[in-house]
Amino acid sequence: MGEAKRRKEKLGEDYGKAERILPWVPITKNQSEAFMRWTTRGAWLGIGFMIVFWLTLRFIGPGFGWWSVVD
């Protein structure tokens, strides 16, 4: 008997379905990996936006008469 047949007999109706993180949490491992990818990407975008905003405020802003650190 092959490994796939043993696994199919053992899992029964759950054979071929995505595996959950924990039995009582309705989130699959694939969903959690996708969530981690999206949140990591969002965090990096937020960091990039913060750097651009800071550079604009610090160096370009005073030339337009905006708030300046050197008052």
PDB file of N, CA and C in Angstrom:
ATOM      1  N   MET A   1       0.850  -1.179   0.000  1.00  0.00           N
ATOM      2  CA  MET A   1       0.000   0.000   0.000  1.00  0.00           C
ATOM      3  C   MET A   1       0.889   1.233   0.000  1.00  0.00           C
ATOM      4  N   GLY A   2       0.581   2.187  -0.854  1.00  0.00           N
ATOM      5  CA  GLY A   2       1.371   3.403  -0.963  1.00  0.00           C
ATOM      6  C   GLY A   2       1.045   4.401   0.133  1.00  0.00           C
ATOM      7  N   GLU A   3       1.938   5.351   0.275  1.00  0.00           N
ATOM      8  CA  GLU A   3       1.771   6.380   1.313  1.00  0.00           C
ATOM      9  C   GLU A   3       0.506   7.201   1.093  1.00  0.00           C
ATOM     10  N   ALA A   4       0.194   7.526  -0.150  1.00  0.00           N
ATOM     11  CA  ALA A   4      -1.005   8.324  -0.440  1.00  0.00           C
ATOM     12  C   ALA A   4      -2.272   7.590  -0.023  1.00  0.00           C
ATOM     13  N   LYS A   5      -2.322   6.287  -0.262  1.00  0.00           N
ATOM     14  CA  LYS A   5      -3.508   5.518   0.133  1.00  0.00           C
ATOM     15  C   LYS A   5      -3.642   5.468   1.647  1.00  0.00           C
ATOM     16  N   ARG A   6      -2.518   5.287   2.349  1.00  0.00           N
ATOM     17  CA  ARG A   6      -2.558   5.277   3.821  1.00  0.00           C
ATOM     18  C   ARG A   6      -3.048   6.619   4.350  1.00  0.00           C
ATOM     19  N   ARG A   7      -2.522   7.678   3.767  1.00  0.00           N
ATOM     20  CA  ARG A   7      -2.915   9.018   4.212  1.00  0.00           C
ATOM     21  C   ARG A   7      -4.404   9.251   3.937  1.00  0.00           C
ATOM     22  N   LYS A   8      -4.880   8.798   2.791  1.00  0.00           N
ATOM     23  CA  LYS A   8      -6.282   8.976   2.435  1.00  0.00           C
ATOM     24  C   LYS A   8      -7.186   8.205   3.389  1.00  0.00           C
ATOM     25  N   GLU A   9      -6.804   6.982   3.762  1.00  0.00           N
ATOM     26  CA  GLU A   9      -7.591   6.194   4.713  1.00  0.00           C
ATOM     27  C   GLU A   9      -7.594   6.846   6.087  1.00  0.00           C
ATOM     28  N   LYS A  10      -6.446   7.377   6.493  1.00  0.00           N
ATOM     29  CA  LYS A  10      -6.328   7.985   7.820  1.00  0.00           C
ATOM     30  C   LYS A  10      -7.156   9.265   7.929  1.00  0.00           C
ATOM     31  N   LEU A  11      -7.084  10.134   6.906  1.00  0.00           N
ATOM     32  CA  LEU A  11      -7.769  11.414   6.958  1.00  0.00           C
ATOM     33  C   LEU A  11      -9.252  11.332   6.615  1.00  0.00           C
ATOM     34  N   GLY A  12      -9.633  10.377   5.818  1.00  0.00           N
ATOM     35  CA  GLY A  12     -11.045  10.211   5.466  1.00  0.00           C
ATOM     36  C   GLY A  12     -11.555  11.379   4.651  1.00  0.00           C
ATOM     37  N   GLU A  13     -12.605  12.066   5.145  1.00  0.00           N
ATOM     38  CA  GLU A  13     -13.212  13.183   4.415  1.00  0.00           C
ATOM     39  C   GLU A  13     -12.305  14.407   4.332  1.00  0.00           C
ATOM     40  N   ASP A  14     -11.350  14.526   5.239  1.00  0.00           N
ATOM     41  CA  ASP A  14     -10.457  15.687   5.254  1.00  0.00           C
ATOM     42  C   ASP A  14      -9.312  15.558   4.248  1.00  0.00           C
ATOM     43  N   TYR A  15      -9.227  14.445   3.539  1.00  0.00           N
ATOM     44  CA  TYR A  15      -8.144  14.228   2.576  1.00  0.00           C
ATOM     45  C   TYR A  15      -8.235  15.244   1.436  1.00  0.00           C
ATOM     46  N   GLY A  16      -7.128  15.913   1.156  1.00  0.00           N
ATOM     47  CA  GLY A  16      -7.081  16.895   0.083  1.00  0.00           C
ATOM     48  C   GLY A  16      -7.472  18.299   0.498  1.00  0.00           C
ATOM     49  N   LYS A  17      -7.979  18.483   1.701  1.00  0.00           N
ATOM     50  CA  LYS A  17      -8.341  19.821   2.178  1.00  0.00           C
ATOM     51  C   LYS A  17      -7.117  20.494   2.780  1.00  0.00           C
ATOM     52  N   ALA A  18      -7.135  21.813   2.776  1.00  0.00           N
ATOM     53  CA  ALA A  18      -6.023  22.573   3.344  1.00  0.00           C
ATOM     54  C   ALA A  18      -5.949  22.342   4.853  1.00  0.00           C
ATOM     55  N   GLU A  19      -4.731  22.226   5.347  1.00  0.00           N
ATOM     56  CA  GLU A  19      -4.520  21.962   6.769  1.00  0.00           C
ATOM     57  C   GLU A  19      -4.688  23.242   7.575  1.00  0.00           C
ATOM     58  N   ARG A  20      -5.367  23.142   8.717  1.00  0.00           N
ATOM     59  CA  ARG A  20      -5.566  24.300   9.594  1.00  0.00           C
ATOM     60  C   ARG A  20      -4.370  24.486  10.507  1.00  0.00           C
ATOM     61  N   ILE A  21      -4.211  25.718  10.985  1.00  0.00           N
ATOM     62  CA  ILE A  21      -3.131  26.013  11.925  1.00  0.00           C
ATOM     63  C   ILE A  21      -3.378  25.242  13.225  1.00  0.00           C
ATOM     64  N   LEU A  22      -4.543  25.431  13.779  1.00  0.00           N
ATOM     65  CA  LEU A  22      -4.991  24.719  14.975  1.00  0.00           C
ATOM     66  C   LEU A  22      -6.396  24.207  14.690  1.00  0.00           C
ATOM     67  N   PRO A  23      -6.785  23.118  15.294  1.00  0.00           N
ATOM     68  CA  PRO A  23      -8.110  22.555  14.996  1.00  0.00           C
ATOM     69  C   PRO A  23      -9.280  23.503  15.266  1.00  0.00           C
ATOM     70  N   TRP A  24      -9.161  24.373  16.257  1.00  0.00           N
ATOM     71  CA  TRP A  24     -10.279  25.240  16.621  1.00  0.00           C
ATOM     72  C   TRP A  24     -10.192  26.624  15.946  1.00  0.00           C
ATOM     73  N   VAL A  25      -9.142  26.891  15.169  1.00  0.00           N
ATOM     74  CA  VAL A  25      -8.997  28.163  14.467  1.00  0.00           C
ATOM     75  C   VAL A  25      -9.318  27.938  12.985  1.00  0.00           C
ATOM     76  N   PRO A  26     -10.322  28.627  12.449  1.00  0.00           N
ATOM     77  CA  PRO A  26     -10.731  28.382  11.059  1.00  0.00           C
ATOM     78  C   PRO A  26      -9.848  29.080  10.021  1.00  0.00           C
ATOM     79  N   ILE A  27      -8.533  29.022  10.212  1.00  0.00           N
ATOM     80  CA  ILE A  27      -7.586  29.634   9.286  1.00  0.00           C
ATOM     81  C   ILE A  27      -6.613  28.556   8.822  1.00  0.00           C
ATOM     82  N   THR A  28      -6.450  28.454   7.513  1.00  0.00           N
ATOM     83  CA  THR A  28      -5.535  27.451   6.977  1.00  0.00           C
ATOM     84  C   THR A  28      -4.115  28.007   6.949  1.00  0.00           C
ATOM     85  N   LYS A  29      -3.170  27.119   6.758  1.00  0.00           N
ATOM     86  CA  LYS A  29      -1.771  27.547   6.693  1.00  0.00           C
ATOM     87  C   LYS A  29      -1.535  28.447   5.484  1.00  0.00           C
ATOM     88  N   ASN A  30      -2.175  28.152   4.369  1.00  0.00           N
ATOM     89  CA  ASN A  30      -2.013  28.997   3.180  1.00  0.00           C
ATOM     90  C   ASN A  30      -2.536  30.404   3.434  1.00  0.00           C
ATOM     91  N   GLN A  31      -3.668  30.515   4.124  1.00  0.00           N
ATOM     92  CA  GLN A  31      -4.225  31.828   4.439  1.00  0.00           C
ATOM     93  C   GLN A  31      -3.298  32.611   5.366  1.00  0.00           C
ATOM     94  N   SER A  32      -2.698  31.928   6.338  1.00  0.00           N
ATOM     95  CA  SER A  32      -1.800  32.623   7.263  1.00  0.00           C
ATOM     96  C   SER A  32      -0.536  33.086   6.545  1.00  0.00           C
ATOM     97  N   GLU A  33      -0.033  32.289   5.599  1.00  0.00           N
ATOM     98  CA  GLU A  33       1.143  32.700   4.841  1.00  0.00           C
ATOM     99  C   GLU A  33       0.823  33.910   3.956  1.00  0.00           C
ATOM    100  N   ALA A  34      -0.348  33.913   3.346  1.00  0.00           N
ATOM    101  CA  ALA A  34      -0.757  35.052   2.516  1.00  0.00           C
ATOM    102  C   ALA A  34      -0.902  36.307   3.376  1.00  0.00           C
ATOM    103  N   PHE A  35      -1.469  36.170   4.575  1.00  0.00           N
ATOM    104  CA  PHE A  35      -1.611  37.296   5.491  1.00  0.00           C
ATOM    105  C   PHE A  35      -0.238  37.867   5.854  1.00  0.00           C
ATOM    106  N   MET A  36       0.712  36.993   6.118  1.00  0.00           N
ATOM    107  CA  MET A  36       2.054  37.447   6.467  1.00  0.00           C
ATOM    108  C   MET A  36       2.713  38.174   5.297  1.00  0.00           C
ATOM    109  N   ARG A  37       2.521  37.672   4.080  1.00  0.00           N
ATOM    110  CA  ARG A  37       3.086  38.347   2.907  1.00  0.00           C
ATOM    111  C   ARG A  37       2.507  39.751   2.747  1.00  0.00           C
ATOM    112  N   TRP A  38       1.183  39.883   2.865  1.00  0.00           N
ATOM    113  CA  TRP A  38       0.524  41.186   2.688  1.00  0.00           C
ATOM    114  C   TRP A  38       0.899  42.169   3.797  1.00  0.00           C
ATOM    115  N   THR A  39       0.953  41.688   5.039  1.00  0.00           N
ATOM    116  CA  THR A  39       1.286  42.612   6.134  1.00  0.00           C
ATOM    117  C   THR A  39       2.744  43.042   6.073  1.00  0.00           C
ATOM    118  N   THR A  40       3.635  42.149   5.640  1.00  0.00           N
ATOM    119  CA  THR A  40       5.042  42.518   5.484  1.00  0.00           C
ATOM    120  C   THR A  40       5.189  43.559   4.386  1.00  0.00           C
ATOM    121  N   ARG A  41       4.511  43.341   3.265  1.00  0.00           N
ATOM    122  CA  ARG A  41       4.552  44.302   2.162  1.00  0.00           C
ATOM    123  C   ARG A  41       3.989  45.659   2.615  1.00  0.00           C
ATOM    124  N   GLY A  42       2.900  45.638   3.350  1.00  0.00           N
ATOM    125  CA  GLY A  42       2.302  46.877   3.838  1.00  0.00           C
ATOM    126  C   GLY A  42       3.210  47.616   4.803  1.00  0.00           C
ATOM    127  N   ALA A  43       3.910  46.860   5.652  1.00  0.00           N
ATOM    128  CA  ALA A  43       4.833  47.488   6.594  1.00  0.00           C
ATOM    129  C   ALA A  43       5.970  48.180   5.854  1.00  0.00           C
ATOM    130  N   TRP A  44       6.530  47.529   4.840  1.00  0.00           N
ATOM    131  CA  TRP A  44       7.609  48.150   4.071  1.00  0.00           C
ATOM    132  C   TRP A  44       7.121  49.377   3.316  1.00  0.00           C
ATOM    133  N   LEU A  45       5.908  49.323   2.777  1.00  0.00           N
ATOM    134  CA  LEU A  45       5.350  50.502   2.110  1.00  0.00           C
ATOM    135  C   LEU A  45       5.178  51.657   3.102  1.00  0.00           C
ATOM    136  N   GLY A  46       4.729  51.341   4.301  1.00  0.00           N
ATOM    137  CA  GLY A  46       4.573  52.360   5.338  1.00  0.00           C
ATOM    138  C   GLY A  46       5.900  52.976   5.741  1.00  0.00           C
ATOM    139  N   ILE A  47       6.937  52.154   5.842  1.00  0.00           N
ATOM    140  CA  ILE A  47       8.268  52.662   6.179  1.00  0.00           C
ATOM    141  C   ILE A  47       8.772  53.577   5.065  1.00  0.00           C
ATOM    142  N   GLY A  48       8.574  53.160   3.816  1.00  0.00           N
ATOM    143  CA  GLY A  48       8.995  53.980   2.678  1.00  0.00           C
ATOM    144  C   GLY A  48       8.266  55.308   2.653  1.00  0.00           C
ATOM    145  N   PHE A  49       6.948  55.275   2.889  1.00  0.00           N
ATOM    146  CA  PHE A  49       6.170  56.517   2.926  1.00  0.00           C
ATOM    147  C   PHE A  49       6.662  57.429   4.042  1.00  0.00           C
ATOM    148  N   MET A  50       6.969  56.873   5.200  1.00  0.00           N
ATOM    149  CA  MET A  50       7.437  57.672   6.318  1.00  0.00           C
ATOM    150  C   MET A  50       8.770  58.334   5.992  1.00  0.00           C
ATOM    151  N   ILE A  51       9.664  57.621   5.299  1.00  0.00           N
ATOM    152  CA  ILE A  51      10.963  58.195   4.928  1.00  0.00           C
ATOM    153  C   ILE A  51      10.777  59.335   3.932  1.00  0.00           C
ATOM    154  N   VAL A  52       9.940  59.124   2.920  1.00  0.00           N
ATOM    155  CA  VAL A  52       9.676  60.173   1.931  1.00  0.00           C
ATOM    156  C   VAL A  52       9.043  61.387   2.611  1.00  0.00           C
ATOM    157  N   PHE A  53       8.093  61.163   3.500  1.00  0.00           N
ATOM    158  CA  PHE A  53       7.438  62.256   4.218  1.00  0.00           C
ATOM    159  C   PHE A  53       8.445  63.022   5.066  1.00  0.00           C
ATOM    160  N   TRP A  54       9.318  62.305   5.755  1.00  0.00           N
ATOM    161  CA  TRP A  54      10.315  62.950   6.606  1.00  0.00           C
ATOM    162  C   TRP A  54      11.283  63.772   5.766  1.00  0.00           C
ATOM    163  N   LEU A  55      11.756  63.206   4.643  1.00  0.00           N
ATOM    164  CA  LEU A  55      12.676  63.948   3.779  1.00  0.00           C
ATOM    165  C   LEU A  55      12.019  65.212   3.226  1.00  0.00           C
ATOM    166  N   THR A  56      10.753  65.099   2.846  1.00  0.00           N
ATOM    167  CA  THR A  56      10.032  66.260   2.336  1.00  0.00           C
ATOM    168  C   THR A  56       9.912  67.326   3.412  1.00  0.00           C
ATOM    169  N   LEU A  57       9.529  66.924   4.592  1.00  0.00           N
ATOM    170  CA  LEU A  57       9.356  67.875   5.681  1.00  0.00           C
ATOM    171  C   LEU A  57      10.685  68.492   6.097  1.00  0.00           C
ATOM    172  N   ARG A  58      11.726  67.703   6.119  1.00  0.00           N
ATOM    173  CA  ARG A  58      13.023  68.156   6.635  1.00  0.00           C
ATOM    174  C   ARG A  58      13.781  69.033   5.647  1.00  0.00           C
ATOM    175  N   PHE A  59      13.800  68.658   4.364  1.00  0.00           N
ATOM    176  CA  PHE A  59      14.652  69.355   3.411  1.00  0.00           C
ATOM    177  C   PHE A  59      13.894  70.234   2.419  1.00  0.00           C
ATOM    178  N   ILE A  60      12.782  69.799   1.926  1.00  0.00           N
ATOM    179  CA  ILE A  60      12.045  70.555   0.922  1.00  0.00           C
ATOM    180  C   ILE A  60      11.097  71.555   1.579  1.00  0.00           C
ATOM    181  N   GLY A  61      10.490  71.162   2.690  1.00  0.00           N
ATOM    182  CA  GLY A  61       9.510  72.000   3.371  1.00  0.00           C
ATOM    183  C   GLY A  61       9.994  73.388   3.745  1.00  0.00           C
ATOM    184  N   PRO A  62      11.170  73.543   4.345  1.00  0.00           N
ATOM    185  CA  PRO A  62      11.621  74.883   4.722  1.00  0.00           C
ATOM    186  C   PRO A  62      11.779  75.831   3.535  1.00  0.00           C
ATOM    187  N   GLY A  63      12.062  75.282   2.361  1.00  0.00           N
ATOM    188  CA  GLY A  63      12.193  76.144   1.179  1.00  0.00           C
ATOM    189  C   GLY A  63      10.870  76.765   0.773  1.00  0.00           C
ATOM    190  N   PHE A  64       9.764  76.118   1.115  1.00  0.00           N
ATOM    191  CA  PHE A  64       8.433  76.638   0.809  1.00  0.00           C
ATOM    192  C   PHE A  64       7.837  77.401   1.983  1.00  0.00           C
ATOM    193  N   GLY A  65       8.592  77.554   3.046  1.00  0.00           N
ATOM    194  CA  GLY A  65       8.103  78.275   4.211  1.00  0.00           C
ATOM    195  C   GLY A  65       7.286  77.406   5.156  1.00  0.00           C
ATOM    196  N   TRP A  66       7.333  76.089   4.961  1.00  0.00           N
ATOM    197  CA  TRP A  66       6.635  75.194   5.880  1.00  0.00           C
ATOM    198  C   TRP A  66       7.424  75.093   7.153  1.00  0.00           C
ATOM    199  N   TRP A  67       6.881  74.336   8.091  1.00  0.00           N
ATOM    200  CA  TRP A  67       7.513  74.148   9.391  1.00  0.00           C
ATOM    201  C   TRP A  67       8.961  73.717   9.226  1.00  0.00           C
ATOM    202  N   SER A  68       9.820  74.275  10.010  1.00  0.00           N
ATOM    203  CA  SER A  68      11.243  73.980   9.909  1.00  0.00           C
ATOM    204  C   SER A  68      11.780  73.635  11.281  1.00  0.00           C
ATOM    205  N   VAL A  69      12.762  72.763  11.330  1.00  0.00           N
ATOM    206  CA  VAL A  69      13.389  72.390  12.588  1.00  0.00           C
ATOM    207  C   VAL A  69      14.313  73.526  13.051  1.00  0.00           C
ATOM    208  N   VAL A  70      14.843  74.322  12.115  1.00  0.00           N
ATOM    209  CA  VAL A  70      15.796  75.373  12.417  1.00  0.00           C
ATOM    210  C   VAL A  70      15.081  76.711  12.519  1.00  0.00           C
ATOM    211  N   ASP A  71      14.217  76.865  13.518  1.00  0.00           N
ATOM    212  CA  ASP A  71      13.506  78.147  13.712  1.00  0.00           C
ATOM    213  C   ASP A  71      14.298  79.083  14.562  1.00  0.00           C
TER     214      ASP A  71
END
